[in-house]
Amino acid sequence: DALASSSLERLCRTVQISNAGIVPGSGVGNDRAELCERTLGAPVIAIGVPTVVDAANFSCDEAARGMFVTPRDIDASVRDISKLIGYAIDLALHSGLTVEDIDTLIS
């Protein structure tokens, strides 16, 4: 999921992994139905990456309140972090698999 961060330095640079589930939209005040073991009836592993930051965190301008900012190169950043997460999951679940093996499989 895309997460909101309070730090510009964390945008597209950290990965949050949790077995407690996730509430989509909660970081930007647009809460949706919770996705967790209780609501889905199965264990959940939620993976999120901060892709937006509240502009009020780095601006004194009152108009910045409630405005969310994303990096200019967000498409490339999401593509790169998605690839990293995908590779990490593949390598964790398939012993003996190498990065080169994954490259061959997805090319």
PDB file of N, CA and C in Angstrom:
ATOM      1  N   ASP A   1       0.851  -1.171   0.000  1.00  0.00           N
ATOM      2  CA  ASP A   1       0.000   0.000   0.000  1.00  0.00           C
ATOM      3  C   ASP A   1       0.894   1.229   0.000  1.00  0.00           C
ATOM      4  N   ALA A   2       0.377   2.325  -0.468  1.00  0.00           N
ATOM      5  CA  ALA A   2       1.060   3.610  -0.392  1.00  0.00           C
ATOM      6  C   ALA A   2       0.775   4.204   0.986  1.00  0.00           C
ATOM      7  N   LEU A   3       1.813   4.653   1.650  1.00  0.00           N
ATOM      8  CA  LEU A   3       1.676   5.217   2.991  1.00  0.00           C
ATOM      9  C   LEU A   3       1.997   6.702   2.968  1.00  0.00           C
ATOM     10  N   ALA A   4       1.585   7.406   4.005  1.00  0.00           N
ATOM     11  CA  ALA A   4       1.954   8.805   4.201  1.00  0.00           C
ATOM     12  C   ALA A   4       3.089   8.845   5.216  1.00  0.00           C
ATOM     13  N   SER A   5       4.015   9.756   5.026  1.00  0.00           N
ATOM     14  CA  SER A   5       5.155   9.897   5.926  1.00  0.00           C
ATOM     15  C   SER A   5       5.181  11.310   6.483  1.00  0.00           C
ATOM     16  N   SER A   6       5.813  11.463   7.623  1.00  0.00           N
ATOM     17  CA  SER A   6       6.027  12.801   8.171  1.00  0.00           C
ATOM     18  C   SER A   6       7.417  13.304   7.809  1.00  0.00           C
ATOM     19  N   SER A   7       8.183  12.487   7.083  1.00  0.00           N
ATOM     20  CA  SER A   7       9.565  12.811   6.758  1.00  0.00           C
ATOM     21  C   SER A   7       9.818  12.696   5.257  1.00  0.00           C
ATOM     22  N   LEU A   8      10.362  13.741   4.672  1.00  0.00           N
ATOM     23  CA  LEU A   8      10.720  13.694   3.252  1.00  0.00           C
ATOM     24  C   LEU A   8      11.779  12.633   2.982  1.00  0.00           C
ATOM     25  N   GLU A   9      12.674  12.431   3.941  1.00  0.00           N
ATOM     26  CA  GLU A   9      13.758  11.473   3.764  1.00  0.00           C
ATOM     27  C   GLU A   9      13.259  10.033   3.642  1.00  0.00           C
ATOM     28  N   ARG A  10      12.077   9.745   4.139  1.00  0.00           N
ATOM     29  CA  ARG A  10      11.549   8.374   4.098  1.00  0.00           C
ATOM     30  C   ARG A  10      10.765   8.064   2.825  1.00  0.00           C
ATOM     31  N   LEU A  11      10.415   9.083   2.052  1.00  0.00           N
ATOM     32  CA  LEU A  11       9.607   8.864   0.856  1.00  0.00           C
ATOM     33  C   LEU A  11      10.290   7.893  -0.107  1.00  0.00           C
ATOM     34  N   CYS A  12       9.606   6.817  -0.399  1.00  0.00           N
ATOM     35  CA  CYS A  12      10.073   5.785  -1.339  1.00  0.00           C
ATOM     36  C   CYS A  12      11.412   5.180  -0.929  1.00  0.00           C
ATOM     37  N   ARG A  13      11.783   5.306   0.352  1.00  0.00           N
ATOM     38  CA  ARG A  13      13.060   4.774   0.823  1.00  0.00           C
ATOM     39  C   ARG A  13      12.926   3.786   1.976  1.00  0.00           C
ATOM     40  N   THR A  14      11.741   3.642   2.517  1.00  0.00           N
ATOM     41  CA  THR A  14      11.533   2.692   3.607  1.00  0.00           C
ATOM     42  C   THR A  14      10.383   1.765   3.246  1.00  0.00           C
ATOM     43  N   VAL A  15      10.401   0.592   3.874  1.00  0.00           N
ATOM     44  CA  VAL A  15       9.346  -0.395   3.652  1.00  0.00           C
ATOM     45  C   VAL A  15       8.815  -0.811   5.016  1.00  0.00           C
ATOM     46  N   GLN A  16       7.515  -0.751   5.191  1.00  0.00           N
ATOM     47  CA  GLN A  16       6.880  -1.181   6.442  1.00  0.00           C
ATOM     48  C   GLN A  16       6.210  -2.524   6.203  1.00  0.00           C
ATOM     49  N   ILE A  17       6.538  -3.500   7.046  1.00  0.00           N
ATOM     50  CA  ILE A  17       5.945  -4.835   6.959  1.00  0.00           C
ATOM     51  C   ILE A  17       5.274  -5.123   8.291  1.00  0.00           C
ATOM     52  N   SER A  18       4.017  -5.572   8.240  1.00  0.00           N
ATOM     53  CA  SER A  18       3.254  -5.800   9.465  1.00  0.00           C
ATOM     54  C   SER A  18       2.309  -6.982   9.301  1.00  0.00           C
ATOM     55  N   ASN A  19       2.129  -7.729  10.380  1.00  0.00           N
ATOM     56  CA  ASN A  19       1.121  -8.796  10.362  1.00  0.00           C
ATOM     57  C   ASN A  19      -0.162  -8.343  11.059  1.00  0.00           C
ATOM     58  N   ALA A  20      -0.242  -7.057  11.382  1.00  0.00           N
ATOM     59  CA  ALA A  20      -1.422  -6.516  12.060  1.00  0.00           C
ATOM     60  C   ALA A  20      -2.469  -6.011  11.075  1.00  0.00           C
ATOM     61  N   GLY A  21      -2.128  -5.974   9.807  1.00  0.00           N
ATOM     62  CA  GLY A  21      -3.065  -5.484   8.804  1.00  0.00           C
ATOM     63  C   GLY A  21      -2.832  -4.026   8.495  1.00  0.00           C
ATOM     64  N   ILE A  22      -3.785  -3.441   7.773  1.00  0.00           N
ATOM     65  CA  ILE A  22      -3.639  -2.056   7.335  1.00  0.00           C
ATOM     66  C   ILE A  22      -5.029  -1.445   7.128  1.00  0.00           C
ATOM     67  N   VAL A  23      -5.112  -0.130   7.310  1.00  0.00           N
ATOM     68  CA  VAL A  23      -6.344   0.611   7.021  1.00  0.00           C
ATOM     69  C   VAL A  23      -6.021   1.545   5.852  1.00  0.00           C
ATOM     70  N   PRO A  24      -6.345   1.141   4.629  1.00  0.00           N
ATOM     71  CA  PRO A  24      -6.021   1.978   3.468  1.00  0.00           C
ATOM     72  C   PRO A  24      -6.610   3.382   3.601  1.00  0.00           C
ATOM     73  N   GLY A  25      -5.821   4.370   3.203  1.00  0.00           N
ATOM     74  CA  GLY A  25      -6.274   5.755   3.218  1.00  0.00           C
ATOM     75  C   GLY A  25      -6.146   6.467   4.547  1.00  0.00           C
ATOM     76  N   SER A  26      -5.811   5.752   5.615  1.00  0.00           N
ATOM     77  CA  SER A  26      -5.796   6.381   6.937  1.00  0.00           C
ATOM     78  C   SER A  26      -4.726   7.457   7.066  1.00  0.00           C
ATOM     79  N   GLY A  27      -3.637   7.354   6.327  1.00  0.00           N
ATOM     80  CA  GLY A  27      -2.574   8.350   6.415  1.00  0.00           C
ATOM     81  C   GLY A  27      -2.939   9.691   5.812  1.00  0.00           C
ATOM     82  N   VAL A  28      -3.958   9.709   4.973  1.00  0.00           N
ATOM     83  CA  VAL A  28      -4.374  10.957   4.325  1.00  0.00           C
ATOM     84  C   VAL A  28      -5.811  11.342   4.689  1.00  0.00           C
ATOM     85  N   GLY A  29      -6.333  10.730   5.752  1.00  0.00           N
ATOM     86  CA  GLY A  29      -7.673  11.075   6.223  1.00  0.00           C
ATOM     87  C   GLY A  29      -8.801  10.540   5.366  1.00  0.00           C
ATOM     88  N   ASN A  30      -8.554   9.453   4.658  1.00  0.00           N
ATOM     89  CA  ASN A  30      -9.564   8.852   3.782  1.00  0.00           C
ATOM     90  C   ASN A  30      -9.704   7.367   4.134  1.00  0.00           C
ATOM     91  N   ASP A  31      -9.984   7.093   5.410  1.00  0.00           N
ATOM     92  CA  ASP A  31     -10.034   5.716   5.915  1.00  0.00           C
ATOM     93  C   ASP A  31     -10.989   4.842   5.115  1.00  0.00           C
ATOM     94  N   ARG A  32     -10.534   3.629   4.858  1.00  0.00           N
ATOM     95  CA  ARG A  32     -11.340   2.613   4.177  1.00  0.00           C
ATOM     96  C   ARG A  32     -11.473   1.427   5.119  1.00  0.00           C
ATOM     97  N   ALA A  33     -12.093   0.364   4.657  1.00  0.00           N
ATOM     98  CA  ALA A  33     -12.268  -0.828   5.491  1.00  0.00           C
ATOM     99  C   ALA A  33     -10.905  -1.426   5.833  1.00  0.00           C
ATOM    100  N   GLU A  34     -10.759  -1.794   7.094  1.00  0.00           N
ATOM    101  CA  GLU A  34      -9.520  -2.401   7.571  1.00  0.00           C
ATOM    102  C   GLU A  34      -9.305  -3.760   6.914  1.00  0.00           C
ATOM    103  N   LEU A  35      -8.068  -4.011   6.511  1.00  0.00           N
ATOM    104  CA  LEU A  35      -7.677  -5.313   5.971  1.00  0.00           C
ATOM    105  C   LEU A  35      -6.799  -5.994   7.011  1.00  0.00           C
ATOM    106  N   CYS A  36      -7.373  -6.965   7.717  1.00  0.00           N
ATOM    107  CA  CYS A  36      -6.646  -7.652   8.773  1.00  0.00           C
ATOM    108  C   CYS A  36      -7.213  -9.064   8.916  1.00  0.00           C
ATOM    109  N   GLU A  37      -6.601  -9.851   9.777  1.00  0.00           N
ATOM    110  CA  GLU A  37      -7.055 -11.225   9.964  1.00  0.00           C
ATOM    111  C   GLU A  37      -8.511 -11.275  10.433  1.00  0.00           C
ATOM    112  N   ARG A  38      -8.890 -10.358  11.302  1.00  0.00           N
ATOM    113  CA  ARG A  38     -10.262 -10.340  11.818  1.00  0.00           C
ATOM    114  C   ARG A  38     -11.280 -10.086  10.700  1.00  0.00           C
ATOM    115  N   THR A  39     -10.976  -9.161   9.801  1.00  0.00           N
ATOM    116  CA  THR A  39     -11.948  -8.817   8.757  1.00  0.00           C
ATOM    117  C   THR A  39     -11.890  -9.742   7.548  1.00  0.00           C
ATOM    118  N   LEU A  40     -10.738 -10.346   7.302  1.00  0.00           N
ATOM    119  CA  LEU A  40     -10.592 -11.199   6.120  1.00  0.00           C
ATOM    120  C   LEU A  40     -10.690 -12.689   6.424  1.00  0.00           C
ATOM    121  N   GLY A  41     -10.537 -13.046   7.704  1.00  0.00           N
ATOM    122  CA  GLY A  41     -10.621 -14.448   8.085  1.00  0.00           C
ATOM    123  C   GLY A  41      -9.391 -15.257   7.733  1.00  0.00           C
ATOM    124  N   ALA A  42      -8.295 -14.582   7.458  1.00  0.00           N
ATOM    125  CA  ALA A  42      -7.033 -15.255   7.127  1.00  0.00           C
ATOM    126  C   ALA A  42      -5.885 -14.353   7.571  1.00  0.00           C
ATOM    127  N   PRO A  43      -4.741 -14.961   7.903  1.00  0.00           N
ATOM    128  CA  PRO A  43      -3.590 -14.136   8.281  1.00  0.00           C
ATOM    129  C   PRO A  43      -3.223 -13.156   7.161  1.00  0.00           C
ATOM    130  N   VAL A  44      -2.741 -11.993   7.563  1.00  0.00           N
ATOM    131  CA  VAL A  44      -2.415 -10.928   6.614  1.00  0.00           C
ATOM    132  C   VAL A  44      -0.986 -10.463   6.845  1.00  0.00           C
ATOM    133  N   ILE A  45      -0.277 -10.246   5.775  1.00  0.00           N
ATOM    134  CA  ILE A  45       1.004  -9.547   5.834  1.00  0.00           C
ATOM    135  C   ILE A  45       0.830  -8.300   4.982  1.00  0.00           C
ATOM    136  N   ALA A  46       0.910  -7.150   5.620  1.00  0.00           N
ATOM    137  CA  ALA A  46       0.752  -5.875   4.915  1.00  0.00           C
ATOM    138  C   ALA A  46       2.128  -5.288   4.637  1.00  0.00           C
ATOM    139  N   ILE A  47       2.317  -4.808   3.426  1.00  0.00           N
ATOM    140  CA  ILE A  47       3.567  -4.167   3.035  1.00  0.00           C
ATOM    141  C   ILE A  47       3.218  -2.781   2.520  1.00  0.00           C
ATOM    142  N   GLY A  48       3.870  -1.771   3.072  1.00  0.00           N
ATOM    143  CA  GLY A  48       3.590  -0.404   2.653  1.00  0.00           C
ATOM    144  C   GLY A  48       4.860   0.397   2.469  1.00  0.00           C
ATOM    145  N   VAL A  49       4.791   1.376   1.592  1.00  0.00           N
ATOM    146  CA  VAL A  49       5.909   2.269   1.309  1.00  0.00           C
ATOM    147  C   VAL A  49       5.382   3.703   1.329  1.00  0.00           C
ATOM    148  N   PRO A  50       6.026   4.588   2.083  1.00  0.00           N
ATOM    149  CA  PRO A  50       5.568   5.972   2.091  1.00  0.00           C
ATOM    150  C   PRO A  50       5.826   6.643   0.740  1.00  0.00           C
ATOM    151  N   THR A  51       4.756   7.171   0.147  1.00  0.00           N
ATOM    152  CA  THR A  51       4.864   7.832  -1.155  1.00  0.00           C
ATOM    153  C   THR A  51       4.359   9.270  -1.123  1.00  0.00           C
ATOM    154  N   VAL A  52       3.767   9.687  -0.012  1.00  0.00           N
ATOM    155  CA  VAL A  52       3.298  11.071   0.128  1.00  0.00           C
ATOM    156  C   VAL A  52       3.681  11.611   1.496  1.00  0.00           C
ATOM    157  N   VAL A  53       3.800  12.931   1.573  1.00  0.00           N
ATOM    158  CA  VAL A  53       4.067  13.605   2.840  1.00  0.00           C
ATOM    159  C   VAL A  53       3.130  14.811   2.917  1.00  0.00           C
ATOM    160  N   ASP A  54       2.645  15.094   4.112  1.00  0.00           N
ATOM    161  CA  ASP A  54       1.784  16.258   4.331  1.00  0.00           C
ATOM    162  C   ASP A  54       2.642  17.516   4.180  1.00  0.00           C
ATOM    163  N   ALA A  55       2.267  18.397   3.279  1.00  0.00           N
ATOM    164  CA  ALA A  55       3.040  19.612   3.008  1.00  0.00           C
ATOM    165  C   ALA A  55       3.175  20.487   4.250  1.00  0.00           C
ATOM    166  N   ALA A  56       2.242  20.394   5.182  1.00  0.00           N
ATOM    167  CA  ALA A  56       2.305  21.192   6.409  1.00  0.00           C
ATOM    168  C   ALA A  56       3.517  20.823   7.258  1.00  0.00           C
ATOM    169  N   ASN A  57       4.109  19.644   7.033  1.00  0.00           N
ATOM    170  CA  ASN A  57       5.287  19.231   7.798  1.00  0.00           C
ATOM    171  C   ASN A  57       6.524  20.050   7.454  1.00  0.00           C
ATOM    172  N   PHE A  58       6.554  20.688   6.295  1.00  0.00           N
ATOM    173  CA  PHE A  58       7.739  21.452   5.917  1.00  0.00           C
ATOM    174  C   PHE A  58       7.402  22.848   5.377  1.00  0.00           C
ATOM    175  N   SER A  59       6.192  23.310   5.631  1.00  0.00           N
ATOM    176  CA  SER A  59       5.788  24.634   5.166  1.00  0.00           C
ATOM    177  C   SER A  59       5.045  25.373   6.271  1.00  0.00           C
ATOM    178  N   CYS A  60       5.341  26.644   6.403  1.00  0.00           N
ATOM    179  CA  CYS A  60       4.628  27.482   7.378  1.00  0.00           C
ATOM    180  C   CYS A  60       3.355  28.067   6.782  1.00  0.00           C
ATOM    181  N   ASP A  61       3.174  27.886   5.498  1.00  0.00           N
ATOM    182  CA  ASP A  61       2.006  28.421   4.795  1.00  0.00           C
ATOM    183  C   ASP A  61       0.757  27.662   5.227  1.00  0.00           C
ATOM    184  N   GLU A  62      -0.233  28.375   5.712  1.00  0.00           N
ATOM    185  CA  GLU A  62      -1.484  27.755   6.165  1.00  0.00           C
ATOM    186  C   GLU A  62      -2.175  26.991   5.037  1.00  0.00           C
ATOM    187  N   ALA A  63      -1.988  27.430   3.805  1.00  0.00           N
ATOM    188  CA  ALA A  63      -2.610  26.760   2.654  1.00  0.00           C
ATOM    189  C   ALA A  63      -2.053  25.355   2.437  1.00  0.00           C
ATOM    190  N   ALA A  64      -0.903  25.057   3.016  1.00  0.00           N
ATOM    191  CA  ALA A  64      -0.293  23.735   2.857  1.00  0.00           C
ATOM    192  C   ALA A  64      -0.983  22.676   3.714  1.00  0.00           C
ATOM    193  N   ARG A  65      -1.745  23.110   4.701  1.00  0.00           N
ATOM    194  CA  ARG A  65      -2.422  22.161   5.593  1.00  0.00           C
ATOM    195  C   ARG A  65      -3.372  21.271   4.795  1.00  0.00           C
ATOM    196  N   GLY A  66      -3.204  19.974   4.956  1.00  0.00           N
ATOM    197  CA  GLY A  66      -4.065  19.024   4.264  1.00  0.00           C
ATOM    198  C   GLY A  66      -3.669  18.756   2.821  1.00  0.00           C
ATOM    199  N   MET A  67      -2.593  19.398   2.364  1.00  0.00           N
ATOM    200  CA  MET A  67      -2.114  19.158   1.007  1.00  0.00           C
ATOM    201  C   MET A  67      -1.000  18.111   1.083  1.00  0.00           C
ATOM    202  N   PHE A  68      -1.082  17.108   0.239  1.00  0.00           N
ATOM    203  CA  PHE A  68      -0.080  16.055   0.251  1.00  0.00           C
ATOM    204  C   PHE A  68       0.794  16.166  -0.986  1.00  0.00           C
ATOM    205  N   VAL A  69       2.081  15.924  -0.784  1.00  0.00           N
ATOM    206  CA  VAL A  69       3.078  16.088  -1.831  1.00  0.00           C
ATOM    207  C   VAL A  69       3.739  14.745  -2.098  1.00  0.00           C
ATOM    208  N   THR A  70       4.022  14.498  -3.363  1.00  0.00           N
ATOM    209  CA  THR A  70       4.686  13.269  -3.771  1.00  0.00           C
ATOM    210  C   THR A  70       5.895  13.641  -4.622  1.00  0.00           C
ATOM    211  N   PRO A  71       6.920  12.794  -4.674  1.00  0.00           N
ATOM    212  CA  PRO A  71       8.097  13.125  -5.487  1.00  0.00           C
ATOM    213  C   PRO A  71       7.744  13.271  -6.968  1.00  0.00           C
ATOM    214  N   ARG A  72       8.499  14.094  -7.659  1.00  0.00           N
ATOM    215  CA  ARG A  72       8.284  14.317  -9.094  1.00  0.00           C
ATOM    216  C   ARG A  72       8.422  13.025  -9.892  1.00  0.00           C
ATOM    217  N   ASP A  73       9.354  12.175  -9.509  1.00  0.00           N
ATOM    218  CA  ASP A  73       9.617  10.920 -10.230  1.00  0.00           C
ATOM    219  C   ASP A  73       8.902   9.730  -9.584  1.00  0.00           C
ATOM    220  N   ILE A  74       7.693   9.952  -9.083  1.00  0.00           N
ATOM    221  CA  ILE A  74       6.979   8.921  -8.330  1.00  0.00           C
ATOM    222  C   ILE A  74       6.783   7.644  -9.134  1.00  0.00           C
ATOM    223  N   ASP A  75       6.525   7.746 -10.430  1.00  0.00           N
ATOM    224  CA  ASP A  75       6.317   6.536 -11.237  1.00  0.00           C
ATOM    225  C   ASP A  75       7.552   5.650 -11.229  1.00  0.00           C
ATOM    226  N   ALA A  76       8.721   6.237 -11.449  1.00  0.00           N
ATOM    227  CA  ALA A  76       9.968   5.467 -11.445  1.00  0.00           C
ATOM    228  C   ALA A  76      10.270   4.944 -10.044  1.00  0.00           C
ATOM    229  N   SER A  77      10.009   5.762  -9.026  1.00  0.00           N
ATOM    230  CA  SER A  77      10.271   5.330  -7.649  1.00  0.00           C
ATOM    231  C   SER A  77       9.398   4.143  -7.263  1.00  0.00           C
ATOM    232  N   VAL A  78       8.122   4.193  -7.613  1.00  0.00           N
ATOM    233  CA  VAL A  78       7.214   3.082  -7.299  1.00  0.00           C
ATOM    234  C   VAL A  78       7.626   1.834  -8.077  1.00  0.00           C
ATOM    235  N   ARG A  79       8.005   1.998  -9.330  1.00  0.00           N
ATOM    236  CA  ARG A  79       8.464   0.852 -10.121  1.00  0.00           C
ATOM    237  C   ARG A  79       9.686   0.200  -9.460  1.00  0.00           C
ATOM    238  N   ASP A  80      10.647   1.016  -9.030  1.00  0.00           N
ATOM    239  CA  ASP A  80      11.873   0.489  -8.423  1.00  0.00           C
ATOM    240  C   ASP A  80      11.602  -0.194  -7.083  1.00  0.00           C
ATOM    241  N   ILE A  81      10.822   0.447  -6.210  1.00  0.00           N
ATOM    242  CA  ILE A  81      10.566  -0.146  -4.898  1.00  0.00           C
ATOM    243  C   ILE A  81       9.695  -1.387  -5.028  1.00  0.00           C
ATOM    244  N   SER A  82       8.792  -1.409  -6.002  1.00  0.00           N
ATOM    245  CA  SER A  82       7.965  -2.599  -6.242  1.00  0.00           C
ATOM    246  C   SER A  82       8.829  -3.768  -6.680  1.00  0.00           C
ATOM    247  N   LYS A  83       9.785  -3.482  -7.537  1.00  0.00           N
ATOM    248  CA  LYS A  83      10.707  -4.531  -7.995  1.00  0.00           C
ATOM    249  C   LYS A  83      11.520  -5.062  -6.814  1.00  0.00           C
ATOM    250  N   LEU A  84      12.006  -4.155  -5.976  1.00  0.00           N
ATOM    251  CA  LEU A  84      12.772  -4.560  -4.797  1.00  0.00           C
ATOM    252  C   LEU A  84      11.944  -5.452  -3.877  1.00  0.00           C
ATOM    253  N   ILE A  85      10.712  -5.066  -3.606  1.00  0.00           N
ATOM    254  CA  ILE A  85       9.837  -5.864  -2.735  1.00  0.00           C
ATOM    255  C   ILE A  85       9.544  -7.213  -3.374  1.00  0.00           C
ATOM    256  N   GLY A  86       9.257  -7.223  -4.662  1.00  0.00           N
ATOM    257  CA  GLY A  86       8.989  -8.481  -5.361  1.00  0.00           C
ATOM    258  C   GLY A  86      10.173  -9.428  -5.307  1.00  0.00           C
ATOM    259  N   TYR A  87      11.363  -8.906  -5.570  1.00  0.00           N
ATOM    260  CA  TYR A  87      12.568  -9.735  -5.499  1.00  0.00           C
ATOM    261  C   TYR A  87      12.758 -10.272  -4.084  1.00  0.00           C
ATOM    262  N   ALA A  88      12.563  -9.422  -3.083  1.00  0.00           N
ATOM    263  CA  ALA A  88      12.747  -9.846  -1.691  1.00  0.00           C
ATOM    264  C   ALA A  88      11.785 -10.972  -1.325  1.00  0.00           C
ATOM    265  N   ILE A  89      10.531 -10.871  -1.753  1.00  0.00           N
ATOM    266  CA  ILE A  89       9.554 -11.928  -1.467  1.00  0.00           C
ATOM    267  C   ILE A  89       9.956 -13.215  -2.170  1.00  0.00           C
ATOM    268  N   ASP A  90      10.314 -13.115  -3.452  1.00  0.00           N
ATOM    269  CA  ASP A  90      10.745 -14.307  -4.197  1.00  0.00           C
ATOM    270  C   ASP A  90      11.939 -14.980  -3.540  1.00  0.00           C
ATOM    271  N   LEU A  91      12.943 -14.189  -3.168  1.00  0.00           N
ATOM    272  CA  LEU A  91      14.148 -14.760  -2.563  1.00  0.00           C
ATOM    273  C   LEU A  91      13.864 -15.355  -1.187  1.00  0.00           C
ATOM    274  N   ALA A  92      12.937 -14.754  -0.439  1.00  0.00           N
ATOM    275  CA  ALA A  92      12.595 -15.273   0.888  1.00  0.00           C
ATOM    276  C   ALA A  92      11.821 -16.583   0.804  1.00  0.00           C
ATOM    277  N   LEU A  93      10.984 -16.730  -0.216  1.00  0.00           N
ATOM    278  CA  LEU A  93      10.115 -17.907  -0.310  1.00  0.00           C
ATOM    279  C   LEU A  93      10.689 -19.050  -1.137  1.00  0.00           C
ATOM    280  N   HIS A  94      11.699 -18.772  -1.925  1.00  0.00           N
ATOM    281  CA  HIS A  94      12.252 -19.802  -2.811  1.00  0.00           C
ATOM    282  C   HIS A  94      13.743 -19.951  -2.553  1.00  0.00           C
ATOM    283  N   SER A  95      14.097 -20.872  -1.653  1.00  0.00           N
ATOM    284  CA  SER A  95      15.512 -21.065  -1.339  1.00  0.00           C
ATOM    285  C   SER A  95      16.255 -21.531  -2.587  1.00  0.00           C
ATOM    286  N   GLY A  96      17.442 -21.035  -2.764  1.00  0.00           N
ATOM    287  CA  GLY A  96      18.251 -21.405  -3.914  1.00  0.00           C
ATOM    288  C   GLY A  96      18.049 -20.503  -5.117  1.00  0.00           C
ATOM    289  N   LEU A  97      17.011 -19.699  -5.107  1.00  0.00           N
ATOM    290  CA  LEU A  97      16.748 -18.783  -6.213  1.00  0.00           C
ATOM    291  C   LEU A  97      17.710 -17.599  -6.113  1.00  0.00           C
ATOM    292  N   THR A  98      18.208 -17.146  -7.237  1.00  0.00           N
ATOM    293  CA  THR A  98      19.107 -15.994  -7.253  1.00  0.00           C
ATOM    294  C   THR A  98      18.428 -14.826  -7.964  1.00  0.00           C
ATOM    295  N   VAL A  99      19.019 -13.659  -7.826  1.00  0.00           N
ATOM    296  CA  VAL A  99      18.505 -12.486  -8.526  1.00  0.00           C
ATOM    297  C   VAL A  99      18.538 -12.733 -10.034  1.00  0.00           C
ATOM    298  N   GLU A 100      19.596 -13.378 -10.490  1.00  0.00           N
ATOM    299  CA  GLU A 100      19.705 -13.692 -11.916  1.00  0.00           C
ATOM    300  C   GLU A 100      18.573 -14.617 -12.360  1.00  0.00           C
ATOM    301  N   ASP A 101      18.219 -15.587 -11.511  1.00  0.00           N
ATOM    302  CA  ASP A 101      17.098 -16.481 -11.834  1.00  0.00           C
ATOM    303  C   ASP A 101      15.801 -15.686 -11.990  1.00  0.00           C
ATOM    304  N   ILE A 102      15.563 -14.763 -11.079  1.00  0.00           N
ATOM    305  CA  ILE A 102      14.342 -13.957 -11.141  1.00  0.00           C
ATOM    306  C   ILE A 102      14.348 -13.106 -12.410  1.00  0.00           C
ATOM    307  N   ASP A 103      15.498 -12.490 -12.707  1.00  0.00           N
ATOM    308  CA  ASP A 103      15.600 -11.694 -13.929  1.00  0.00           C
ATOM    309  C   ASP A 103      15.235 -12.522 -15.154  1.00  0.00           C
ATOM    310  N   THR A 104      15.712 -13.757 -15.196  1.00  0.00           N
ATOM    311  CA  THR A 104      15.418 -14.641 -16.324  1.00  0.00           C
ATOM    312  C   THR A 104      13.933 -14.974 -16.378  1.00  0.00           C
ATOM    313  N   LEU A 105      13.332 -15.230 -15.228  1.00  0.00           N
ATOM    314  CA  LEU A 105      11.923 -15.608 -15.184  1.00  0.00           C
ATOM    315  C   LEU A 105      10.984 -14.475 -15.587  1.00  0.00           C
ATOM    316  N   ILE A 106      11.341 -13.250 -15.268  1.00  0.00           N
ATOM    317  CA  ILE A 106      10.423 -12.142 -15.554  1.00  0.00           C
ATOM    318  C   ILE A 106      10.751 -11.401 -16.848  1.00  0.00           C
ATOM    319  N   SER A 107      11.812 -11.787 -17.517  1.00  0.00           N
ATOM    320  CA  SER A 107      12.169 -11.080 -18.760  1.00  0.00           C
ATOM    321  C   SER A 107      11.478 -11.678 -19.965  1.00  0.00           C
TER     322      SER A 107
END
